[in-house]
Amino acid sequence: MNELSIYRLNVKAPILEVALYEYGNKGISKWSGYVKQLSPFTADLDRLSSLLFALRTNGGEEYCGVAINTAIEGLTWSKRKDALKLMYIAGNEPFNQGPLPYGVAIQSAKTKGVVVNTIYCGDTNHVEAQSWIHGAQMALGSYMSIDQNHRLVDVTTPYDQDIKRLGAALNQTYLPFGADGGKSAMKKQADADAGSLMMGMRGTVSRAKAKTSNLYKNESWDLVDALEASPEQTMTALGSMSGPMLPEAVRSMPAAEAKKVIQRKGVERKNIQREIKSLAKKREKFLATKATSMNGKEAPNTLNKAFLESIRKAAKTKGLSAP
């Protein structure tokens, strides 16, 4: 998300939607090919984060062909010619298992303009990796291999605590509304924050940075985003919503007064976001300098690094550019 938020197509920012599937888990029905959709395409990135952090597996058959085909047939893919349609499939068993050949599934993906990228979780020199390489080649996608057992080391920087503090302050700018007062949406946001915190400082910073992005919008439950996206509709809604549906900050106010409070929160949010972005850039430069001083030793490839490299490669094919 952080990577794609900086891309533009003819000056326009992209709209990002992500779907999520799990496969190869023996807890999933055999008749589905051990594949399960966790979320269709959605822009609700808090929900996706919560689903990702909740994922657990207990072993099972990895039917890659079935998994790819299930996602191709089960999702509503964009028909726009300028849409960037990417699929990522990761696993640590042979790519050619299961009742449906991966070549058939990849051909179905290509007919819909979907580029399949494969991630082998293991040594790329292992014989099993060859089928993952071949799958990516057939799909005209990227092949990646990562060390699934590698543990990232959190490097402390002078900017960490300030970013963490600002991330907490950013949460205070949200004004939830809705049938339950926006409580369920706020819980999703808090759960996603907590999951990122478990990843250490790098997760905390990445999450804070994501919440400064133009792709992170919550107009369905946050009055600040709602007012910015649809001013007239939001003002009409403010006049019709009862007390428990509104945040305490504006609950007893006339709509015109509530609007001023919401706008002030919006200004506060933008200022905090600006600070986070600035500190995140300084942190990245600090880490880059640190990396070059590691006696020329390259860090192991990670899922994050592999994703970013493939996104950059695919973006170029659609004319997406980053500053």
Foldseek 3Di string as FASTA:
>chain_A
DLLQLQKDFVNHRDAAWDWDKDAQAVVDDVVLVRIDTPGATDLLVLLVLLVVLPDDGDGGDGAQLSRLQCNLVVYDDDQDPLDQAEAEDEDAAAHQDDDGGNLVSLVSCVVSPYQYEYEHQDDCPDPSVVNNVVSNVSRVAYYYYFPPPDQDDDDDDPLQVVLLVLLVVLLVLFKWFDPQRNPVVNVSNVSSCVSLVVSPSVSNLVSSLVCLGPSDADLVTGLLRVCVVPVVVSLVVLQVDAQSRTGPVPRPHRSVVVVVVSVVSNVVNNVSNVVSVVSSVVVVVVVVVVQVPPVPDDDTDDPVNVVSVRCVVSCVVSVIDGD
